[in-house]
Protein backbone atom coordinates (compact mmCIF):
# COMPACT_ATOMS: atom_id res chain seq x y z
CA UNK A 1 -7.35 19.64 -214.44
CA UNK A 2 -5.68 19.40 -217.74
CA UNK A 3 -8.59 17.63 -219.63
CA UNK A 4 -10.69 20.55 -218.42
CA UNK A 5 -8.30 23.07 -219.72
CA UNK A 6 -8.07 21.31 -223.03
CA UNK A 7 -11.91 20.91 -223.37
CA UNK A 8 -12.47 24.64 -222.55
CA UNK A 9 -9.64 25.61 -224.94
CA UNK A 10 -11.41 23.65 -228.00
CA UNK A 11 -14.82 25.31 -227.21
CA UNK A 12 -13.18 28.84 -227.25
CA UNK A 13 -10.99 28.11 -230.29
CA UNK A 14 -14.36 27.28 -232.14
CA UNK A 15 -16.31 30.17 -230.73
CA UNK A 16 -13.57 32.75 -231.17
CA UNK A 17 -12.25 31.65 -234.41
CA UNK A 18 -15.21 32.90 -236.36
CA UNK A 19 -18.93 33.09 -235.07
CA UNK A 20 -18.23 35.70 -232.14
CA UNK A 21 -15.56 37.64 -234.14
CA UNK A 22 -18.05 38.38 -236.69
CA UNK A 23 -20.86 38.86 -234.12
CA UNK A 24 -18.95 41.37 -232.13
CA UNK A 25 -17.20 43.34 -234.90
CA UNK A 26 -20.62 43.34 -237.11
CA UNK A 27 -22.50 44.54 -234.02
CA UNK A 28 -19.87 47.27 -233.19
CA UNK A 29 -19.72 48.29 -236.94
CA UNK A 30 -23.61 48.29 -237.53
CA UNK A 31 -24.31 50.41 -234.40
CA UNK A 32 -21.50 52.77 -235.27
CA UNK A 33 -23.18 53.52 -238.75
CA UNK A 34 -26.66 53.37 -237.35
CA UNK A 35 -25.93 56.07 -234.72
CA UNK A 36 -23.88 57.99 -237.32
CA UNK A 37 -20.54 57.42 -235.55
CA UNK A 38 -21.37 58.48 -231.97
CA UNK A 39 -17.39 58.27 -231.26
CA UNK A 40 -17.12 61.77 -232.90
CA UNK A 41 -18.71 63.07 -229.78
CA UNK A 42 -15.97 61.75 -227.48
CA UNK A 43 -14.72 65.15 -226.29
CA UNK A 44 -18.32 66.23 -225.44
CA UNK A 45 -18.84 62.99 -223.79
CA UNK A 46 -15.76 63.50 -221.62
CA UNK A 47 -16.96 66.82 -220.79
CA UNK A 48 -20.26 65.44 -219.55
CA UNK A 49 -18.57 62.80 -217.48
CA UNK A 50 -17.00 65.48 -215.25
CA UNK A 51 -19.84 67.85 -215.24
CA UNK A 52 -21.56 67.91 -211.91
CA UNK A 53 -25.01 66.96 -211.80
CA UNK A 54 -27.89 69.61 -211.24
CA UNK A 55 -30.50 67.32 -209.82
CA UNK A 56 -30.76 65.25 -206.58
CA UNK A 57 -27.99 63.53 -204.76
CA UNK A 58 -29.92 60.56 -203.40
CA UNK A 59 -29.02 57.04 -203.04
CA UNK A 60 -27.90 56.73 -206.57
CA UNK A 61 -24.50 57.55 -208.10
CA UNK A 62 -23.25 60.59 -210.12
CA UNK A 63 -22.36 60.18 -213.53
CA UNK A 64 -18.96 60.30 -212.87
CA UNK A 65 -19.36 57.77 -209.99
CA UNK A 66 -20.86 55.45 -212.48
CA UNK A 67 -18.07 56.02 -215.05
CA UNK A 68 -15.49 55.21 -212.04
CA UNK A 69 -17.33 52.06 -211.13
CA UNK A 70 -17.23 50.80 -214.64
CA UNK A 71 -13.55 51.54 -214.95
CA UNK A 72 -12.99 49.94 -211.56
CA UNK A 73 -14.47 46.61 -213.08
CA UNK A 74 -12.45 46.91 -216.51
CA UNK A 75 -9.18 48.73 -215.80
CA UNK A 76 -6.61 46.12 -214.38
CA UNK A 77 -5.18 42.87 -215.65
CA UNK A 78 -6.83 43.18 -219.13
CA UNK A 79 -4.62 46.17 -219.73
CA UNK A 80 -1.48 44.80 -218.33
CA UNK A 81 -1.63 40.93 -218.15
CA UNK A 82 -4.25 40.67 -221.00
CA UNK A 83 -2.52 42.81 -223.51
CA UNK A 84 0.85 40.97 -222.80
CA UNK A 85 -0.92 37.40 -223.45
CA UNK A 86 -2.58 38.78 -226.57
CA UNK A 87 0.90 39.93 -227.89
CA UNK A 88 2.39 36.55 -227.09
CA UNK A 89 -0.11 34.24 -228.37
CA UNK A 90 -1.41 36.24 -231.29
CA UNK A 91 1.71 38.49 -232.02
CA UNK A 92 1.91 42.29 -232.18
CA UNK A 93 -0.92 42.44 -234.63
CA UNK A 94 -3.34 41.40 -231.80
CA UNK A 95 -2.82 45.13 -230.50
CA UNK A 96 -4.27 46.51 -233.67
CA UNK A 97 -7.51 44.35 -233.27
CA UNK A 98 -7.78 44.99 -229.87
CA UNK A 99 -7.61 49.01 -230.58
CA UNK A 100 -10.23 48.38 -233.26
CA UNK A 101 -12.53 46.67 -230.93
CA UNK A 102 -11.99 49.57 -228.60
CA UNK A 103 -12.95 52.12 -231.12
CA UNK A 104 -15.85 50.53 -232.73
CA UNK A 105 -16.99 49.19 -229.33
CA UNK A 106 -17.76 52.49 -227.92
CA UNK A 107 -21.01 52.61 -230.08
CA UNK A 108 -22.14 49.31 -228.80
CA UNK A 109 -21.16 50.39 -225.26
CA UNK A 110 -23.34 53.42 -225.94
CA UNK A 111 -26.50 51.43 -226.86
CA UNK A 112 -26.03 49.01 -223.88
CA UNK A 113 -26.09 51.84 -221.38
CA UNK A 114 -28.75 53.66 -223.22
CA UNK A 115 -31.20 50.98 -223.02
CA UNK A 116 -30.19 50.03 -219.53
CA UNK A 117 -31.17 53.54 -218.32
CA UNK A 118 -34.36 53.41 -220.53
CA UNK A 119 -35.66 50.37 -219.06
CA UNK A 120 -34.28 50.30 -215.44
CA UNK A 121 -36.25 49.79 -212.31
CA UNK A 122 -36.79 52.01 -209.24
CA UNK A 123 -36.72 50.04 -206.02
CA UNK A 124 -38.57 50.86 -202.85
CA UNK A 125 -35.80 52.72 -201.32
CA UNK A 126 -35.23 54.89 -204.53
CA UNK A 127 -32.16 53.26 -205.91
CA UNK A 128 -32.04 52.31 -209.59
CA UNK A 129 -31.32 48.90 -210.95
CA UNK A 130 -30.76 48.04 -214.47
CA UNK A 131 -28.75 46.00 -216.94
CA UNK A 132 -29.65 43.56 -219.66
CA UNK A 133 -31.62 41.59 -217.60
CA UNK A 134 -34.14 44.37 -217.01
CA UNK A 135 -33.81 45.28 -220.54
CA UNK A 136 -35.14 41.69 -221.48
CA UNK A 137 -37.97 41.81 -218.79
CA UNK A 138 -39.26 45.62 -219.20
CA UNK A 139 -38.15 46.15 -222.80
CA UNK A 140 -38.88 42.76 -224.41
CA UNK A 141 -41.17 41.39 -221.80
CA UNK A 142 -39.17 38.00 -221.58
CA UNK A 143 -38.26 37.56 -218.12
CA UNK A 144 -36.81 34.07 -218.67
CA UNK A 145 -33.83 35.50 -220.83
CA UNK A 146 -33.48 38.18 -218.44
CA UNK A 147 -32.90 35.49 -215.64
CA UNK A 148 -30.65 33.65 -218.04
CA UNK A 149 -28.43 36.79 -218.25
CA UNK A 150 -28.60 37.49 -214.60
CA UNK A 151 -27.28 34.07 -213.98
CA UNK A 152 -24.45 34.37 -216.34
CA UNK A 153 -23.54 37.57 -214.87
CA UNK A 154 -23.53 36.01 -211.27
CA UNK A 155 -21.25 33.34 -212.74
CA UNK A 156 -19.05 36.01 -214.15
CA UNK A 157 -18.76 38.04 -211.06
CA UNK A 158 -17.74 34.71 -209.18
CA UNK A 159 -15.26 33.88 -211.97
CA UNK A 160 -14.27 36.68 -214.11
CA UNK A 161 -14.72 39.29 -211.36
CA UNK A 162 -12.86 37.37 -208.68
CA UNK A 163 -10.62 34.61 -210.14
CA UNK A 164 -8.84 36.63 -212.83
CA UNK A 165 -8.02 39.46 -210.41
CA UNK A 166 -7.22 37.63 -207.22
CA UNK A 167 -4.95 35.02 -209.41
CA UNK A 168 -3.23 37.96 -210.81
CA UNK A 169 -2.45 39.45 -207.36
CA UNK A 170 -1.00 36.16 -206.11
CA UNK A 171 0.94 35.61 -209.25
CA UNK A 172 2.33 39.26 -208.93
CA UNK A 173 3.08 39.33 -205.12
CA UNK A 174 4.62 35.86 -205.24
CA UNK A 175 6.98 36.71 -208.18
CA UNK A 176 7.80 40.30 -207.05
CA UNK A 177 7.60 39.99 -203.36
CA UNK A 178 7.67 36.52 -202.36
CA UNK A 179 4.37 36.76 -200.68
CA UNK A 180 2.65 33.24 -200.14
CA UNK A 181 -0.45 32.93 -202.38
CA UNK A 182 -2.65 32.21 -199.43
CA UNK A 183 -1.52 34.95 -197.52
CA UNK A 184 -1.92 37.26 -200.66
CA UNK A 185 -5.53 36.02 -201.25
CA UNK A 186 -6.58 36.64 -197.69
CA UNK A 187 -5.27 40.23 -197.80
CA UNK A 188 -6.98 40.74 -201.22
CA UNK A 189 -10.19 39.35 -199.84
CA UNK A 190 -9.93 41.35 -196.53
CA UNK A 191 -9.19 44.68 -198.37
CA UNK A 192 -11.88 44.51 -201.05
CA UNK A 193 -14.44 43.17 -198.26
CA UNK A 194 -14.20 46.35 -196.22
CA UNK A 195 -15.47 48.23 -199.16
CA UNK A 196 -18.14 45.56 -200.39
CA UNK A 197 -19.85 45.37 -197.31
CA UNK A 198 -20.39 49.24 -197.32
CA UNK A 199 -22.77 48.70 -200.38
CA UNK A 200 -23.19 50.86 -203.82
CA UNK A 201 -22.29 54.26 -202.15
CA UNK A 202 -19.19 52.83 -200.33
CA UNK A 203 -18.25 51.37 -203.67
CA UNK A 204 -18.94 54.42 -205.84
CA UNK A 205 -16.86 56.69 -203.29
CA UNK A 206 -13.85 54.41 -203.23
CA UNK A 207 -13.70 54.16 -207.05
CA UNK A 208 -14.15 57.93 -207.64
CA UNK A 209 -11.03 58.41 -205.46
CA UNK A 210 -8.80 55.69 -206.49
CA UNK A 211 -9.52 54.67 -210.12
CA UNK A 212 -8.81 58.18 -211.75
CA UNK A 213 -5.54 58.40 -209.89
CA UNK A 214 -4.37 54.88 -210.72
CA UNK A 215 -5.28 55.44 -214.35
CA UNK A 216 -3.36 58.74 -214.73
CA UNK A 217 -0.34 56.99 -212.85
CA UNK A 218 -0.30 53.96 -215.14
CA UNK A 219 -0.64 56.03 -218.29
CA UNK A 220 2.08 58.43 -217.23
CA UNK A 221 4.42 55.56 -216.79
CA UNK A 222 3.68 54.21 -220.18
CA UNK A 223 4.27 57.64 -221.81
CA UNK A 224 7.56 57.84 -219.94
CA UNK A 225 8.76 54.25 -221.23
CA UNK A 226 7.48 55.33 -224.86
CA UNK A 227 9.89 58.53 -224.49
CA UNK A 228 12.74 56.27 -223.46
CA UNK A 229 12.11 54.00 -226.22
CA UNK A 230 11.38 56.60 -228.68
CA UNK A 231 13.59 55.32 -231.36
CA UNK A 232 11.72 52.21 -231.67
CA UNK A 233 8.20 54.08 -231.68
CA UNK A 234 7.51 54.18 -235.38
CA UNK A 235 8.91 50.86 -236.08
CA UNK A 236 6.57 49.50 -233.37
CA UNK A 237 3.36 50.99 -235.09
CA UNK A 238 4.78 49.72 -238.41
CA UNK A 239 5.26 46.08 -237.14
CA UNK A 240 1.78 46.31 -235.31
CA UNK A 241 -0.14 47.21 -238.52
CA UNK A 242 1.81 44.81 -240.86
CA UNK A 243 1.41 42.06 -238.43
CA UNK A 244 -2.38 42.56 -238.01
CA UNK A 245 -3.03 42.41 -241.65
CA UNK A 246 -0.14 39.75 -242.64
CA UNK A 247 0.72 37.76 -239.50
CA UNK A 248 4.20 36.19 -239.39
CA UNK A 249 6.83 35.18 -236.77
CA UNK A 250 7.30 38.06 -234.47
CA UNK A 251 10.30 39.48 -232.22
CA UNK A 252 11.15 38.16 -228.92
CA UNK A 253 9.87 34.55 -229.29
CA UNK A 254 6.23 35.70 -230.05
CA UNK A 255 4.42 33.06 -232.03
CA UNK A 256 3.65 33.19 -235.63
CA UNK A 257 0.00 33.07 -236.14
CA UNK A 258 -2.67 33.25 -238.88
CA UNK A 259 -4.95 36.32 -239.36
CA UNK A 260 -7.76 34.67 -237.57
CA UNK A 261 -5.71 33.71 -234.44
CA UNK A 262 -4.21 37.27 -234.44
CA UNK A 263 -7.61 38.68 -234.51
CA UNK A 264 -9.00 36.29 -232.14
CA UNK A 265 -6.68 37.13 -229.29
CA UNK A 266 -6.79 40.89 -229.97
CA UNK A 267 -10.66 40.88 -229.91
CA UNK A 268 -10.96 38.77 -227.16
CA UNK A 269 -8.54 40.61 -224.98
CA UNK A 270 -10.12 43.78 -225.98
CA UNK A 271 -13.49 42.48 -225.06
CA UNK A 272 -12.13 41.36 -221.70
CA UNK A 273 -10.71 44.89 -220.91
CA UNK A 274 -13.63 47.03 -222.07
CA UNK A 275 -16.56 44.64 -221.91
CA UNK A 276 -18.50 46.18 -224.71
CA UNK A 277 -20.62 43.75 -226.07
CA UNK A 278 -21.32 41.85 -222.73
CA UNK A 279 -23.54 44.33 -221.23
CA UNK A 280 -21.86 44.52 -217.82
CA UNK A 281 -21.05 48.31 -218.15
CA UNK A 282 -24.88 48.87 -218.56
CA UNK A 283 -25.47 47.65 -215.00
CA UNK A 284 -23.28 50.39 -213.50
CA UNK A 285 -24.82 52.87 -215.76
CA UNK A 286 -28.30 52.16 -214.66
CA UNK A 287 -27.52 53.21 -211.11
CA UNK A 288 -26.85 56.91 -212.25
CA UNK A 289 -28.73 59.65 -210.94
CA UNK A 290 -29.56 61.29 -214.57
CA UNK A 291 -32.74 60.59 -216.06
CA UNK A 292 -31.40 61.26 -219.57
CA UNK A 293 -30.49 57.76 -221.23
CA UNK A 294 -28.30 59.47 -223.90
CA UNK A 295 -26.49 61.54 -221.50
CA UNK A 296 -25.50 58.63 -219.26
CA UNK A 297 -24.75 56.55 -222.52
CA UNK A 298 -22.13 59.03 -223.61
CA UNK A 299 -20.52 59.18 -220.37
CA UNK A 300 -20.35 55.32 -220.16
CA UNK A 301 -19.09 55.13 -223.65
CA UNK A 302 -15.82 57.10 -222.38
CA UNK A 303 -15.07 54.05 -220.35
CA UNK A 304 -14.15 52.09 -223.48
CA UNK A 305 -12.18 54.94 -224.65
CA UNK A 306 -10.09 55.26 -221.66
CA UNK A 307 -9.70 51.69 -221.14
CA UNK A 308 -8.81 50.23 -224.42
CA UNK A 309 -8.23 53.03 -227.01
CA UNK A 310 -5.92 54.66 -224.60
CA UNK A 311 -4.55 52.20 -222.00
CA UNK A 312 -4.50 49.05 -223.81
CA UNK A 313 -2.79 50.93 -226.94
CA UNK A 314 -0.17 52.42 -224.65
CA UNK A 315 0.52 49.12 -222.93
CA UNK A 316 0.68 47.36 -226.32
CA UNK A 317 3.25 50.18 -227.70
CA UNK A 318 5.38 49.58 -224.55
CA UNK A 319 5.48 45.99 -225.11
CA UNK A 320 6.50 46.21 -228.91
CA UNK A 321 8.95 48.80 -228.40
CA UNK A 322 10.84 46.81 -225.73
CA UNK A 323 10.50 43.88 -228.11
CA UNK A 324 12.42 45.65 -230.74
CA UNK A 325 15.04 47.29 -228.65
CA UNK A 326 15.56 44.37 -225.91
CA UNK A 327 14.38 41.04 -227.86
CA UNK A 328 16.54 39.00 -225.45
CA UNK A 329 14.23 40.01 -222.41
CA UNK A 330 11.08 39.60 -224.20
CA UNK A 331 12.20 36.16 -225.21
CA UNK A 332 13.13 35.17 -221.60
CA UNK A 333 9.70 35.55 -220.08
CA UNK A 334 6.37 33.61 -220.21
CA UNK A 335 3.21 35.09 -222.10
CA UNK A 336 2.11 36.97 -219.15
CA UNK A 337 5.43 38.57 -218.58
CA UNK A 338 6.15 40.94 -221.62
CA UNK A 339 4.75 43.93 -219.80
CA UNK A 340 6.77 43.07 -216.72
CA UNK A 341 9.86 42.79 -219.07
CA UNK A 342 9.21 46.37 -220.50
CA UNK A 343 8.61 47.96 -217.20
CA UNK A 344 11.85 46.67 -215.91
CA UNK A 345 13.63 49.70 -217.97
CA UNK A 346 11.27 52.19 -216.27
CA UNK A 347 13.80 54.15 -214.00
CA UNK A 348 13.45 53.76 -210.17
CA UNK A 349 11.99 50.19 -209.26
CA UNK A 350 10.05 49.77 -212.71
CA UNK A 351 8.99 46.10 -211.97
CA UNK A 352 8.07 47.00 -208.45
CA UNK A 353 5.93 49.81 -209.76
CA UNK A 354 4.10 47.79 -212.29
CA UNK A 355 3.55 44.99 -209.60
CA UNK A 356 1.88 47.73 -207.22
CA UNK A 357 -0.13 49.07 -209.90
CA UNK A 358 -1.40 45.76 -210.89
CA UNK A 359 -2.39 44.77 -207.41
CA UNK A 360 -4.13 48.13 -206.89
CA UNK A 361 -5.98 47.72 -210.20
CA UNK A 362 -6.98 44.21 -209.27
CA UNK A 363 -8.41 45.31 -206.03
CA UNK A 364 -10.63 47.91 -207.72
CA UNK A 365 -11.81 45.53 -210.31
CA UNK A 366 -12.79 43.20 -207.44
CA UNK A 367 -14.60 45.79 -206.04
CA UNK A 368 -16.37 47.17 -209.14
CA UNK A 369 -17.32 43.37 -210.14
CA UNK A 370 -18.91 42.99 -206.91
CA UNK A 371 -21.48 45.48 -207.51
CA UNK A 372 -22.20 44.12 -210.94
CA UNK A 373 -22.51 40.70 -209.21
CA UNK A 374 -24.80 41.86 -206.57
CA UNK A 375 -27.23 43.42 -208.97
CA UNK A 376 -27.71 40.26 -210.82
CA UNK A 377 -28.00 38.55 -207.58
CA UNK A 378 -30.63 40.94 -206.41
CA UNK A 379 -32.53 40.41 -209.63
CA UNK A 380 -32.46 36.74 -209.40
CA UNK A 381 -33.44 36.74 -205.66
CA UNK A 382 -35.56 39.81 -205.46
CA UNK A 383 -33.09 41.49 -203.21
CA UNK A 384 -33.25 38.68 -200.70
CA UNK A 385 -30.16 37.61 -198.49
CA UNK A 386 -27.78 40.07 -200.01
CA UNK A 387 -25.49 39.77 -197.25
CA UNK A 388 -25.06 36.08 -198.14
CA UNK A 389 -23.71 37.06 -201.79
CA UNK A 390 -21.24 39.43 -200.25
CA UNK A 391 -19.71 36.83 -197.92
CA UNK A 392 -19.67 34.36 -200.71
CA UNK A 393 -18.01 36.77 -203.28
CA UNK A 394 -15.31 37.81 -200.41
CA UNK A 395 -14.64 33.93 -199.92
CA UNK A 396 -14.31 33.42 -203.69
CA UNK A 397 -11.61 36.29 -203.89
CA UNK A 398 -9.55 34.07 -201.77
CA UNK A 399 -10.38 30.80 -203.48
CA UNK A 400 -9.37 32.11 -206.82
CA UNK A 401 -5.99 33.08 -205.67
CA UNK A 402 -4.79 29.57 -206.12
CA UNK A 403 -6.56 28.61 -209.48
CA UNK A 404 -4.09 28.04 -212.30
CA UNK A 405 -3.71 31.15 -214.63
CA UNK A 406 -4.36 29.46 -217.97
CA UNK A 407 -7.71 27.87 -216.84
CA UNK A 408 -8.93 31.29 -215.27
CA UNK A 409 -8.36 33.01 -218.67
CA UNK A 410 -9.80 30.45 -220.74
CA UNK A 411 -12.93 30.28 -218.46
CA UNK A 412 -13.17 33.96 -218.79
CA UNK A 413 -13.24 33.86 -222.66
CA UNK A 414 -15.97 31.14 -222.26
CA UNK A 415 -18.13 33.14 -219.84
CA UNK A 416 -17.70 36.34 -221.89
CA UNK A 417 -18.99 34.46 -225.07
CA UNK A 418 -22.10 33.18 -223.40
CA UNK A 419 -22.97 36.53 -222.18
CA UNK A 420 -22.74 38.23 -225.43
CA UNK A 421 -25.45 36.42 -227.40
CA UNK A 422 -28.58 37.78 -224.98
CA UNK A 423 -26.93 41.11 -224.68
CA UNK A 424 -26.49 41.63 -228.36
CA UNK A 425 -29.78 40.26 -229.23
CA UNK A 426 -31.56 42.82 -227.00
CA UNK A 427 -29.61 45.70 -228.81
CA UNK A 428 -31.05 44.63 -232.26
CA UNK A 429 -34.29 43.88 -231.10
CA UNK A 430 -34.67 47.35 -229.29
CA UNK A 431 -32.79 49.58 -231.77
CA UNK A 432 -35.80 51.61 -232.59
CA UNK A 433 -35.49 53.23 -229.17
CA UNK A 434 -31.93 54.14 -229.66
CA UNK A 435 -30.82 57.78 -230.49
CA UNK A 436 -27.51 59.63 -230.07
CA UNK A 437 -29.08 63.05 -229.54
CA UNK A 438 -28.48 64.55 -225.92
């Protein structure tokens, strides 16, 4: 197992130490300028996301349900454990690069979702199906690349969607509540499975009810901690910015690092949590009942804003302010425990509260990713034997509960890397279809 981990780490070190960093940030920056900074319309986009649709209520999802499903697939371990890992391995400056990835990545997310709605299919039962695989088939008339991306998405669903989340659940419940990993894995599979077997409407309904509540609850807890740590707030911002541009040994035992390593972990974790550039958000966007690609693209763009620009930044600030005020607590934990150390200072069961939030977020991510994987499976098999996929996905939730955490995260970075290339290529090849006017 160690040799496999070392091999994957070496590949990731090459891909994420230059090629993919430049590709991603270049793509984000290019489409930000091409579309004349669509991020400036974020308030209008948020308003669109909560505006009831005036058209039909069929088998497809409302724009808010697509946003909730996207957030279900992205909010979770990336915002909690992912940020903690990024700070531990890349230093406080990684938060800056994670945040920049979110700001600029909103434009890329807009483009992905625009093209997904523009080139989606409508099945016989009236439901929409889309994503980069359909963009390649219908927009670029290359079904082979579409199948390749669909296969990558299916692998990601079983890997990224299942293992990182179920592994986080077992790590959390084992440390916080002493729960056996096999029991935790079974309970996670059973809970998520109850929703997954109900199909897209069941997934959408659950996400609409749970995800906004969880997001508000976690955000409020971060704000409370920042109020408690207010004397370290401005020093934390200075530390994050200066370390991002001139990395050095950081507080609390975080490693010193070069600029490329700091940027690597910040951008990689930012990508993992908001998925801008990967194209998976476009799959959920295509299920929208709206016929306006720009309308849905703006709504989907807000997922990156809430996920990375707001929540990852808050998580990072909580971690760094705690490192400044309580360096001994930060030094005493492993790379995934910096957030837990910070939340230990939250009044009334801070660690237990964080553990419950992490488990709840992980469950919703399992549910959200099940839909993304299902759409990839349907594309590859022409909607055959869908029940087989659902059973396999639920079983994989249990299996992922006992995998080593380091291997899980390294595999996540590797799968993300392979998904970026065909997705980004489609954006450039079809850029003539893009516009930012509603």
